Amino acid sequence: MASCVLSTTLVTPPTTLDKSRIKPSTNSEKLSLCSSSSFFKVGVRKRKVKCKAVSESSQGSVDRSVYQGAFGPWTVDPKDVREVVLYRSGLVTAASSFVIAASAAFLPDNFAFKEIIEQNLNLFYLIAAGGLGLSLYLIHIYVTEIKRTLQALWALGVVGSLATYVTLAQPAGENLVQYVLDNPTAVWFIGPLFASLTGLVFKEGLCYGKLEAGILTFIIPTVLLGHLTGLMDDGVKLTLLGSWMALFVIFAGRKFTQPIKDDIGDKSVFMFNSLPEDAKKALIEKLEQRKVQSESQEDTLQ
């Protein structure tokens, strides 16, 4: 389907497009998480990929605007909306489960709710990992290798967590979280799961300038490494854990204040990447020809 769309829409300029509704992307992000390397090779001027949306569509609604991407015009369809809502819901699920589980560290020992949480730590861990996995499955990153790396880290962390629980924690009569707390070296087995989370918040902080995401990028590995090495005392760990909880909630909640288009990025890039190689080459040549023609016209006018 994408091949048909790009071969007819992107190569041939639309003749009936309502120009008043076209919203060009003009942001000049330079990092690969927020831009397409294929696009920069083409060198089309004034059509750079942007992460941040210019649409102000409400959460869950379909934005009918037409956007000018790196490889042609595109629109937001209902499938895009569903994927973005699920992506954000996965983050909320992960954040909620993590905060509930981590809150046990701050509750008094004689508090009944703390006992309930501690009895269900494995369940909260499983739900949080599932929510994160859903978000990593649906995340939009132009460079496929980066997305697959984050997904691979998540899978490795899930396998490591399961192996740690079955072979170490369960025989010792402990839940997974408590076992990791009592045995810092177990961080090696669950660490990749949190590395994938760190990669996700790094991407969000980089693309959208979210302060809470940028801080989380440093807090998450700091807490894990501090626990692993034993160089961090419990007071510092609790302080950083509390910061992690608060920032994670803010981060997940604020995702729903963004326009849907934010988490789609430049859809034309993903459509381009799905084309066969010969179609990609033909489209690039067409765009380069347009660039040369445009520059020639500008030189003539000058």
C-alpha atoms as a PDB file:
ATOM      1  CA  MET A   1       0.000   0.000   0.000  1.00  0.00           C
ATOM      2  CA  ALA A   2       2.756   2.416   0.930  1.00  0.00           C
ATOM      3  CA  SER A   3       4.455   1.676  -2.385  1.00  0.00           C
ATOM      4  CA  CYS A   4       1.335   2.659  -4.304  1.00  0.00           C
ATOM      5  CA  VAL A   5       0.842   5.831  -2.284  1.00  0.00           C
ATOM      6  CA  LEU A   6       4.409   7.047  -2.689  1.00  0.00           C
ATOM      7  CA  SER A   7       4.626   6.121  -6.345  1.00  0.00           C
ATOM      8  CA  THR A   8       1.518   8.182  -7.132  1.00  0.00           C
ATOM      9  CA  THR A   9       1.486  10.900  -4.485  1.00  0.00           C
ATOM     10  CA  LEU A  10       5.116  11.643  -3.758  1.00  0.00           C
ATOM     11  CA  VAL A  11       6.629  11.405  -7.213  1.00  0.00           C
ATOM     12  CA  THR A  12       3.803  13.281  -8.931  1.00  0.00           C
ATOM     13  CA  PRO A  13       2.959  16.637  -7.329  1.00  0.00           C
ATOM     14  CA  PRO A  14      -0.680  16.770  -6.196  1.00  0.00           C
ATOM     15  CA  THR A  15      -2.787  19.100  -8.305  1.00  0.00           C
ATOM     16  CA  THR A  16      -5.859  19.418  -6.094  1.00  0.00           C
ATOM     17  CA  LEU A  17      -4.194  19.877  -2.750  1.00  0.00           C
ATOM     18  CA  ASP A  18      -5.576  22.626  -0.533  1.00  0.00           C
ATOM     19  CA  LYS A  19      -2.409  24.642   0.045  1.00  0.00           C
ATOM     20  CA  SER A  20      -3.955  26.503   2.957  1.00  0.00           C
ATOM     21  CA  ARG A  21      -3.952  23.260   4.925  1.00  0.00           C
ATOM     22  CA  ILE A  22      -0.406  22.193   4.129  1.00  0.00           C
ATOM     23  CA  LYS A  23       1.914  22.580   7.108  1.00  0.00           C
ATOM     24  CA  PRO A  24       5.572  22.310   6.092  1.00  0.00           C
ATOM     25  CA  SER A  25       8.150  20.903   8.440  1.00  0.00           C
ATOM     26  CA  THR A  26      10.857  23.458   9.010  1.00  0.00           C
ATOM     27  CA  ASN A  27      12.665  22.292  12.148  1.00  0.00           C
ATOM     28  CA  SER A  28      16.320  21.427  11.587  1.00  0.00           C
ATOM     29  CA  GLU A  29      16.934  18.550  14.019  1.00  0.00           C
ATOM     30  CA  LYS A  30      20.373  17.073  13.362  1.00  0.00           C
ATOM     31  CA  LEU A  31      20.392  13.820  15.316  1.00  0.00           C
ATOM     32  CA  SER A  32      19.419  10.501  13.842  1.00  0.00           C
ATOM     33  CA  LEU A  33      16.684   9.812  16.392  1.00  0.00           C
ATOM     34  CA  CYS A  34      14.770  12.825  15.124  1.00  0.00           C
ATOM     35  CA  SER A  35      15.673  12.908  11.458  1.00  0.00           C
ATOM     36  CA  SER A  36      16.086  10.740   8.420  1.00  0.00           C
ATOM     37  CA  SER A  37      19.549  10.072   7.099  1.00  0.00           C
ATOM     38  CA  SER A  38      18.057   9.189   3.723  1.00  0.00           C
ATOM     39  CA  PHE A  39      16.446  12.604   3.526  1.00  0.00           C
ATOM     40  CA  PHE A  40      19.660  14.483   4.204  1.00  0.00           C
ATOM     41  CA  LYS A  41      21.324  12.558   1.395  1.00  0.00           C
ATOM     42  CA  VAL A  42      18.672  13.877  -0.957  1.00  0.00           C
ATOM     43  CA  GLY A  43      19.334  17.441   0.153  1.00  0.00           C
ATOM     44  CA  VAL A  44      15.907  18.899  -0.560  1.00  0.00           C
ATOM     45  CA  ARG A  45      15.905  22.395   0.873  1.00  0.00           C
ATOM     46  CA  LYS A  46      13.325  23.723   3.342  1.00  0.00           C
ATOM     47  CA  ARG A  47      11.775  20.316   3.912  1.00  0.00           C
ATOM     48  CA  LYS A  48      13.655  19.024   6.890  1.00  0.00           C
ATOM     49  CA  VAL A  49      12.159  16.393   9.139  1.00  0.00           C
ATOM     50  CA  LYS A  50      10.796  17.661  12.408  1.00  0.00           C
ATOM     51  CA  CYS A  51       9.830  15.826  15.560  1.00  0.00           C
ATOM     52  CA  LYS A  52       7.687  18.477  17.163  1.00  0.00           C
ATOM     53  CA  ALA A  53       4.214  18.857  15.756  1.00  0.00           C
ATOM     54  CA  VAL A  54       2.671  22.076  14.590  1.00  0.00           C
ATOM     55  CA  SER A  55      -0.810  20.641  14.774  1.00  0.00           C
ATOM     56  CA  GLU A  56      -2.931  21.390  17.795  1.00  0.00           C
ATOM     57  CA  SER A  57      -5.291  18.447  17.335  1.00  0.00           C
ATOM     58  CA  SER A  58      -6.809  17.138  20.532  1.00  0.00           C
ATOM     59  CA  GLN A  59      -5.860  13.816  22.067  1.00  0.00           C
ATOM     60  CA  GLY A  60      -7.471  10.923  20.220  1.00  0.00           C
ATOM     61  CA  SER A  61      -8.952  13.007  17.386  1.00  0.00           C
ATOM     62  CA  VAL A  62      -7.963  12.682  13.760  1.00  0.00           C
ATOM     63  CA  ASP A  63      -5.998  15.640  12.414  1.00  0.00           C
ATOM     64  CA  ARG A  64      -7.282  16.398   8.918  1.00  0.00           C
ATOM     65  CA  SER A  65      -4.426  18.734   8.026  1.00  0.00           C
ATOM     66  CA  VAL A  66      -2.047  17.861   5.186  1.00  0.00           C
ATOM     67  CA  TYR A  67       1.636  18.045   6.136  1.00  0.00           C
ATOM     68  CA  GLN A  68       4.598  18.457   3.823  1.00  0.00           C
ATOM     69  CA  GLY A  69       7.178  15.839   4.724  1.00  0.00           C
ATOM     70  CA  ALA A  70      10.653  15.121   3.438  1.00  0.00           C
ATOM     71  CA  PHE A  71       9.334  12.874   0.677  1.00  0.00           C
ATOM     72  CA  GLY A  72       5.902  14.345   0.050  1.00  0.00           C
ATOM     73  CA  PRO A  73       2.587  15.297   1.671  1.00  0.00           C
ATOM     74  CA  TRP A  74       0.991  13.081   4.314  1.00  0.00           C
ATOM     75  CA  THR A  75      -1.945  13.065   6.722  1.00  0.00           C
ATOM     76  CA  VAL A  76      -2.836  11.531  10.076  1.00  0.00           C
ATOM     77  CA  ASP A  77      -5.257   8.614   9.738  1.00  0.00           C
ATOM     78  CA  PRO A  78      -7.224   6.681  12.403  1.00  0.00           C
ATOM     79  CA  LYS A  79      -4.603   3.915  12.488  1.00  0.00           C
ATOM     80  CA  ASP A  80      -1.948   6.491  13.406  1.00  0.00           C
ATOM     81  CA  VAL A  81      -4.140   7.792  16.219  1.00  0.00           C
ATOM     82  CA  ARG A  82      -4.690   4.306  17.632  1.00  0.00           C
ATOM     83  CA  GLU A  83      -0.982   3.529  17.588  1.00  0.00           C
ATOM     84  CA  VAL A  84      -0.054   6.782  19.310  1.00  0.00           C
ATOM     85  CA  VAL A  85      -2.715   6.355  21.991  1.00  0.00           C
ATOM     86  CA  LEU A  86      -1.505   2.797  22.636  1.00  0.00           C
ATOM     87  CA  TYR A  87       2.107   3.992  22.736  1.00  0.00           C
ATOM     88  CA  ARG A  88       1.273   6.583  25.348  1.00  0.00           C
ATOM     89  CA  SER A  89      -0.964   4.174  27.263  1.00  0.00           C
ATOM     90  CA  GLY A  90       1.941   1.747  27.478  1.00  0.00           C
ATOM     91  CA  LEU A  91       4.057   4.459  29.075  1.00  0.00           C
ATOM     92  CA  VAL A  92       1.307   5.291  31.571  1.00  0.00           C
ATOM     93  CA  THR A  93       0.949   1.607  32.420  1.00  0.00           C
ATOM     94  CA  ALA A  94       4.694   1.230  32.975  1.00  0.00           C
ATOM     95  CA  ALA A  95       4.910   4.409  35.040  1.00  0.00           C
ATOM     96  CA  SER A  96       1.883   3.559  37.207  1.00  0.00           C
ATOM     97  CA  SER A  97       3.067   0.040  37.957  1.00  0.00           C
ATOM     98  CA  PHE A  98       6.588   1.212  38.717  1.00  0.00           C
ATOM     99  CA  VAL A  99       5.429   3.972  41.051  1.00  0.00           C
ATOM    100  CA  ILE A 100       3.070   1.681  42.965  1.00  0.00           C
ATOM    101  CA  ALA A 101       5.775  -0.945  43.389  1.00  0.00           C
ATOM    102  CA  ALA A 102       8.479   1.570  44.310  1.00  0.00           C
ATOM    103  CA  SER A 103       6.230   3.313  46.829  1.00  0.00           C
ATOM    104  CA  ALA A 104       6.747   0.341  49.158  1.00  0.00           C
ATOM    105  CA  ALA A 105      10.225   1.681  49.859  1.00  0.00           C
ATOM    106  CA  PHE A 106       8.722   4.813  51.414  1.00  0.00           C
ATOM    107  CA  LEU A 107       5.831   3.305  53.382  1.00  0.00           C
ATOM    108  CA  PRO A 108       6.114   2.373  57.095  1.00  0.00           C
ATOM    109  CA  ASP A 109       6.524  -1.301  57.895  1.00  0.00           C
ATOM    110  CA  ASN A 110       3.229  -1.542  59.757  1.00  0.00           C
ATOM    111  CA  PHE A 111       1.241  -0.047  56.888  1.00  0.00           C
ATOM    112  CA  ALA A 112      -1.200  -2.603  55.423  1.00  0.00           C
ATOM    113  CA  PHE A 113      -0.901  -1.279  51.871  1.00  0.00           C
ATOM    114  CA  LYS A 114       2.842  -1.888  51.928  1.00  0.00           C
ATOM    115  CA  GLU A 115       2.310  -5.565  52.650  1.00  0.00           C
ATOM    116  CA  ILE A 116      -0.132  -5.844  49.757  1.00  0.00           C
ATOM    117  CA  ILE A 117       2.360  -4.202  47.400  1.00  0.00           C
ATOM    118  CA  GLU A 118       5.239  -6.422  48.515  1.00  0.00           C
ATOM    119  CA  GLN A 119       3.134  -9.531  47.965  1.00  0.00           C
ATOM    120  CA  ASN A 120       2.464  -8.461  44.371  1.00  0.00           C
ATOM    121  CA  LEU A 121       5.827  -7.028  43.318  1.00  0.00           C
ATOM    122  CA  ASN A 122       6.264  -9.679  40.625  1.00  0.00           C
ATOM    123  CA  LEU A 123       2.886  -8.726  39.158  1.00  0.00           C
ATOM    124  CA  PHE A 124       3.719  -5.015  39.122  1.00  0.00           C
ATOM    125  CA  TYR A 125       7.088  -5.785  37.521  1.00  0.00           C
ATOM    126  CA  LEU A 126       5.376  -7.871  34.840  1.00  0.00           C
ATOM    127  CA  ILE A 127       2.784  -5.182  34.074  1.00  0.00           C
ATOM    128  CA  ALA A 128       5.420  -2.455  33.887  1.00  0.00           C
ATOM    129  CA  ALA A 129       7.579  -4.542  31.558  1.00  0.00           C
ATOM    130  CA  GLY A 130       4.551  -5.267  29.378  1.00  0.00           C
ATOM    131  CA  GLY A 131       3.609  -1.591  29.130  1.00  0.00           C
ATOM    132  CA  LEU A 132       7.174  -0.664  28.209  1.00  0.00           C
ATOM    133  CA  GLY A 133       7.276  -3.431  25.619  1.00  0.00           C
ATOM    134  CA  LEU A 134       4.088  -2.150  24.003  1.00  0.00           C
ATOM    135  CA  SER A 135       5.512   1.354  23.758  1.00  0.00           C
ATOM    136  CA  LEU A 136       8.791   0.114  22.286  1.00  0.00           C
ATOM    137  CA  TYR A 137       6.861  -1.910  19.720  1.00  0.00           C
ATOM    138  CA  LEU A 138       4.913   1.160  18.598  1.00  0.00           C
ATOM    139  CA  ILE A 139       7.588   3.847  19.005  1.00  0.00           C
ATOM    140  CA  HIS A 140       8.369   5.865  15.882  1.00  0.00           C
ATOM    141  CA  ILE A 141      12.097   6.189  15.225  1.00  0.00           C
ATOM    142  CA  TYR A 142      13.354   6.896  11.721  1.00  0.00           C
ATOM    143  CA  VAL A 143      16.479   4.751  12.065  1.00  0.00           C
ATOM    144  CA  THR A 144      15.203   1.188  12.217  1.00  0.00           C
ATOM    145  CA  GLU A 145      18.433  -0.148  13.728  1.00  0.00           C
ATOM    146  CA  ILE A 146      18.005   2.064  16.801  1.00  0.00           C
ATOM    147  CA  LYS A 147      14.422   0.921  17.297  1.00  0.00           C
ATOM    148  CA  ARG A 148      15.430  -2.748  16.955  1.00  0.00           C
ATOM    149  CA  THR A 149      18.269  -2.229  19.437  1.00  0.00           C
ATOM    150  CA  LEU A 150      15.881  -0.862  22.065  1.00  0.00           C
ATOM    151  CA  GLN A 151      13.499  -3.744  21.432  1.00  0.00           C
ATOM    152  CA  ALA A 152      16.351  -6.251  21.688  1.00  0.00           C
ATOM    153  CA  LEU A 153      17.440  -4.742  25.019  1.00  0.00           C
ATOM    154  CA  TRP A 154      13.878  -5.042  26.279  1.00  0.00           C
ATOM    155  CA  ALA A 155      13.666  -8.694  25.210  1.00  0.00           C
ATOM    156  CA  LEU A 156      17.049  -9.467  26.759  1.00  0.00           C
ATOM    157  CA  GLY A 157      15.948  -7.826  29.998  1.00  0.00           C
ATOM    158  CA  VAL A 158      12.701  -9.795  30.068  1.00  0.00           C
ATOM    159  CA  VAL A 159      14.554 -13.073  29.503  1.00  0.00           C
ATOM    160  CA  GLY A 160      17.114 -12.136  32.152  1.00  0.00           C
ATOM    161  CA  SER A 161      14.385 -11.219  34.614  1.00  0.00           C
ATOM    162  CA  LEU A 162      12.559 -14.476  34.036  1.00  0.00           C
ATOM    163  CA  ALA A 163      15.740 -16.524  34.351  1.00  0.00           C
ATOM    164  CA  THR A 164      16.712 -14.699  37.551  1.00  0.00           C
ATOM    165  CA  TYR A 165      13.319 -15.333  39.099  1.00  0.00           C
ATOM    166  CA  VAL A 166      13.088 -19.008  38.124  1.00  0.00           C
ATOM    167  CA  THR A 167      16.658 -20.030  38.922  1.00  0.00           C
ATOM    168  CA  LEU A 168      17.580 -17.695  41.773  1.00  0.00           C
ATOM    169  CA  ALA A 169      14.761 -15.763  43.401  1.00  0.00           C
ATOM    170  CA  GLN A 170      12.091 -18.462  43.562  1.00  0.00           C
ATOM    171  CA  PRO A 171      14.367 -21.150  45.070  1.00  0.00           C
ATOM    172  CA  ALA A 172      15.405 -18.565  47.679  1.00  0.00           C
ATOM    173  CA  GLY A 173      11.765 -17.890  48.532  1.00  0.00           C
ATOM    174  CA  GLU A 174      11.866 -14.277  47.367  1.00  0.00           C
ATOM    175  CA  ASN A 175      10.165 -12.236  44.682  1.00  0.00           C
ATOM    176  CA  LEU A 176      12.300 -10.905  41.846  1.00  0.00           C
ATOM    177  CA  VAL A 177      12.483  -7.312  43.104  1.00  0.00           C
ATOM    178  CA  GLN A 178      13.468  -8.282  46.622  1.00  0.00           C
ATOM    179  CA  TYR A 179      16.091 -10.673  45.301  1.00  0.00           C
ATOM    180  CA  VAL A 180      17.671  -7.917  43.213  1.00  0.00           C
ATOM    181  CA  LEU A 181      17.657  -5.624  46.240  1.00  0.00           C
ATOM    182  CA  ASP A 182      19.404  -8.260  48.338  1.00  0.00           C
ATOM    183  CA  ASN A 183      21.781  -9.337  45.551  1.00  0.00           C
ATOM    184  CA  PRO A 184      23.071  -6.317  43.594  1.00  0.00           C
ATOM    185  CA  THR A 185      24.869  -8.458  41.014  1.00  0.00           C
ATOM    186  CA  ALA A 186      21.445  -9.474  39.695  1.00  0.00           C
ATOM    187  CA  VAL A 187      21.280  -6.023  38.103  1.00  0.00           C
ATOM    188  CA  TRP A 188      23.354  -7.523  35.276  1.00  0.00           C
ATOM    189  CA  PHE A 189      20.386  -9.743  34.361  1.00  0.00           C
ATOM    190  CA  ILE A 190      17.574  -7.191  34.575  1.00  0.00           C
ATOM    191  CA  GLY A 191      19.663  -4.195  33.474  1.00  0.00           C
ATOM    192  CA  PRO A 192      18.912  -4.403  29.724  1.00  0.00           C
ATOM    193  CA  LEU A 193      15.216  -3.851  30.459  1.00  0.00           C
ATOM    194  CA  PHE A 194      15.996  -0.555  32.149  1.00  0.00           C
ATOM    195  CA  ALA A 195      18.512   0.293  29.431  1.00  0.00           C
ATOM    196  CA  SER A 196      15.652   0.138  26.913  1.00  0.00           C
ATOM    197  CA  LEU A 197      13.630   2.485  29.110  1.00  0.00           C
ATOM    198  CA  THR A 198      16.601   4.845  29.295  1.00  0.00           C
ATOM    199  CA  GLY A 199      16.844   4.825  25.504  1.00  0.00           C
ATOM    200  CA  LEU A 200      13.160   5.650  25.180  1.00  0.00           C
ATOM    201  CA  VAL A 201      13.255   8.628  27.562  1.00  0.00           C
ATOM    202  CA  PHE A 202      16.473   9.818  25.906  1.00  0.00           C
ATOM    203  CA  LYS A 203      14.705   9.837  22.550  1.00  0.00           C
ATOM    204  CA  GLU A 204      11.747  11.732  24.010  1.00  0.00           C
ATOM    205  CA  GLY A 205      13.981  14.284  25.689  1.00  0.00           C
ATOM    206  CA  LEU A 206      16.038  14.758  22.545  1.00  0.00           C
ATOM    207  CA  CYS A 207      13.144  15.121  20.135  1.00  0.00           C
ATOM    208  CA  TYR A 208      10.756  17.200  22.221  1.00  0.00           C
ATOM    209  CA  GLY A 209      13.028  18.946  24.710  1.00  0.00           C
ATOM    210  CA  LYS A 210      11.264  17.370  27.697  1.00  0.00           C
ATOM    211  CA  LEU A 211      13.235  18.241  30.823  1.00  0.00           C
ATOM    212  CA  GLU A 212      11.837  15.370  32.883  1.00  0.00           C
ATOM    213  CA  ALA A 213      12.852  12.885  30.177  1.00  0.00           C
ATOM    214  CA  GLY A 214      16.353  14.327  30.010  1.00  0.00           C
ATOM    215  CA  ILE A 215      16.787  14.021  33.791  1.00  0.00           C
ATOM    216  CA  LEU A 216      15.456  10.459  33.765  1.00  0.00           C
ATOM    217  CA  THR A 217      18.120   9.588  31.190  1.00  0.00           C
ATOM    218  CA  PHE A 218      20.715  10.125  33.931  1.00  0.00           C
ATOM    219  CA  ILE A 219      18.760   9.025  37.019  1.00  0.00           C
ATOM    220  CA  ILE A 220      17.835   5.545  35.787  1.00  0.00           C
ATOM    221  CA  PRO A 221      21.368   4.274  35.052  1.00  0.00           C
ATOM    222  CA  THR A 222      22.743   6.118  38.086  1.00  0.00           C
ATOM    223  CA  VAL A 223      20.417   4.281  40.475  1.00  0.00           C
ATOM    224  CA  LEU A 224      21.129   0.898  38.893  1.00  0.00           C
ATOM    225  CA  LEU A 225      24.890   1.391  38.758  1.00  0.00           C
ATOM    226  CA  GLY A 226      24.931   2.746  42.295  1.00  0.00           C
ATOM    227  CA  HIS A 227      23.136  -0.348  43.538  1.00  0.00           C
ATOM    228  CA  LEU A 228      25.301  -2.683  41.454  1.00  0.00           C
ATOM    229  CA  THR A 229      28.613  -1.258  42.630  1.00  0.00           C
ATOM    230  CA  GLY A 230      27.575  -0.640  46.228  1.00  0.00           C
ATOM    231  CA  LEU A 231      29.030   2.871  46.037  1.00  0.00           C
ATOM    232  CA  MET A 232      25.703   4.550  46.812  1.00  0.00           C
ATOM    233  CA  ASP A 233      24.183   4.529  50.294  1.00  0.00           C
ATOM    234  CA  ASP A 234      20.508   3.837  50.879  1.00  0.00           C
ATOM    235  CA  GLY A 235      19.649   7.474  51.574  1.00  0.00           C
ATOM    236  CA  VAL A 236      20.925   8.622  48.191  1.00  0.00           C
ATOM    237  CA  LYS A 237      19.237   5.713  46.452  1.00  0.00           C
ATOM    238  CA  LEU A 238      15.900   6.551  48.059  1.00  0.00           C
ATOM    239  CA  THR A 239      16.230  10.195  47.063  1.00  0.00           C
ATOM    240  CA  LEU A 240      16.974   9.287  43.455  1.00  0.00           C
ATOM    241  CA  LEU A 241      14.229   6.652  43.470  1.00  0.00           C
ATOM    242  CA  GLY A 242      11.703   9.239  44.645  1.00  0.00           C
ATOM    243  CA  SER A 243      12.851  11.597  41.890  1.00  0.00           C
ATOM    244  CA  TRP A 244      12.553   8.768  39.368  1.00  0.00           C
ATOM    245  CA  MET A 245       8.970   8.079  40.484  1.00  0.00           C
ATOM    246  CA  ALA A 246       7.889  11.712  40.277  1.00  0.00           C
ATOM    247  CA  LEU A 247       9.557  12.389  36.935  1.00  0.00           C
ATOM    248  CA  PHE A 248       8.230   9.160  35.400  1.00  0.00           C
ATOM    249  CA  VAL A 249       4.664  10.147  36.299  1.00  0.00           C
ATOM    250  CA  ILE A 250       5.158  13.657  34.892  1.00  0.00           C
ATOM    251  CA  PHE A 251       6.748  12.271  31.745  1.00  0.00           C
ATOM    252  CA  ALA A 252       3.990   9.719  31.050  1.00  0.00           C
ATOM    253  CA  GLY A 253       1.206  12.149  31.898  1.00  0.00           C
ATOM    254  CA  ARG A 254       2.564  14.945  29.726  1.00  0.00           C
ATOM    255  CA  LYS A 255       2.604  12.667  26.698  1.00  0.00           C
ATOM    256  CA  PHE A 256      -1.176  13.045  26.563  1.00  0.00           C
ATOM    257  CA  THR A 257      -0.862  16.825  26.337  1.00  0.00           C
ATOM    258  CA  GLN A 258       1.017  16.577  23.030  1.00  0.00           C
ATOM    259  CA  PRO A 259      -0.697  16.599  19.640  1.00  0.00           C
ATOM    260  CA  ILE A 260      -0.987  13.172  18.045  1.00  0.00           C
ATOM    261  CA  LYS A 261       1.340  14.270  15.244  1.00  0.00           C
ATOM    262  CA  ASP A 262       4.227  14.601  17.687  1.00  0.00           C
ATOM    263  CA  ASP A 263       4.631  10.866  18.084  1.00  0.00           C
ATOM    264  CA  ILE A 264       4.184  10.152  14.384  1.00  0.00           C
ATOM    265  CA  GLY A 265       7.050  12.313  13.180  1.00  0.00           C
ATOM    266  CA  ASP A 266       7.425  12.658   9.425  1.00  0.00           C
ATOM    267  CA  LYS A 267       5.206   9.873   8.113  1.00  0.00           C
ATOM    268  CA  SER A 268       6.570  10.228   4.603  1.00  0.00           C
ATOM    269  CA  VAL A 269       9.936   8.933   5.861  1.00  0.00           C
ATOM    270  CA  PHE A 270       8.383   5.678   7.089  1.00  0.00           C
ATOM    271  CA  MET A 271       6.447   5.343   3.839  1.00  0.00           C
ATOM    272  CA  PHE A 272       9.665   5.915   1.910  1.00  0.00           C
ATOM    273  CA  ASN A 273      11.513   3.274   3.942  1.00  0.00           C
ATOM    274  CA  SER A 274       8.819   0.712   3.106  1.00  0.00           C
ATOM    275  CA  LEU A 275       9.361   1.142  -0.651  1.00  0.00           C
ATOM    276  CA  PRO A 276      11.378  -1.306  -2.756  1.00  0.00           C
ATOM    277  CA  GLU A 277      14.928  -0.172  -3.478  1.00  0.00           C
ATOM    278  CA  ASP A 278      14.226   0.675  -7.108  1.00  0.00           C
ATOM    279  CA  ALA A 279      11.265   2.846  -6.099  1.00  0.00           C
ATOM    280  CA  LYS A 280      13.443   4.609  -3.501  1.00  0.00           C
ATOM    281  CA  LYS A 281      16.082   5.396  -6.099  1.00  0.00           C
ATOM    282  CA  ALA A 282      13.476   6.712  -8.528  1.00  0.00           C
ATOM    283  CA  LEU A 283      11.967   8.962  -5.860  1.00  0.00           C
ATOM    284  CA  ILE A 284      15.362  10.319  -4.785  1.00  0.00           C
ATOM    285  CA  GLU A 285      16.251  11.109  -8.377  1.00  0.00           C
ATOM    286  CA  LYS A 286      12.917  12.893  -8.804  1.00  0.00           C
ATOM    287  CA  LEU A 287      13.490  14.982  -5.677  1.00  0.00           C
ATOM    288  CA  GLU A 288      17.034  15.850  -6.750  1.00  0.00           C
ATOM    289  CA  GLN A 289      15.731  16.976 -10.145  1.00  0.00           C
ATOM    290  CA  ARG A 290      13.190  19.202  -8.436  1.00  0.00           C
ATOM    291  CA  LYS A 291      15.917  20.675  -6.257  1.00  0.00           C
ATOM    292  CA  VAL A 292      18.050  21.516  -9.303  1.00  0.00           C
ATOM    293  CA  GLN A 293      15.058  23.033 -11.092  1.00  0.00           C
ATOM    294  CA  SER A 294      14.140  25.066  -8.021  1.00  0.00           C
ATOM    295  CA  GLU A 295      17.680  26.409  -7.664  1.00  0.00           C
ATOM    296  CA  SER A 296      17.809  27.240 -11.361  1.00  0.00           C
ATOM    297  CA  GLN A 297      14.564  29.197 -11.093  1.00  0.00           C
ATOM    298  CA  GLU A 298      15.882  31.101  -8.068  1.00  0.00           C
ATOM    299  CA  ASP A 299      19.099  31.958  -9.903  1.00  0.00           C
ATOM    300  CA  THR A 300      17.059  33.174 -12.867  1.00  0.00           C
ATOM    301  CA  LEU A 301      14.924  35.419 -10.669  1.00  0.00           C
ATOM    302  CA  GLN A 302      18.029  36.884  -9.050  1.00  0.00           C
END
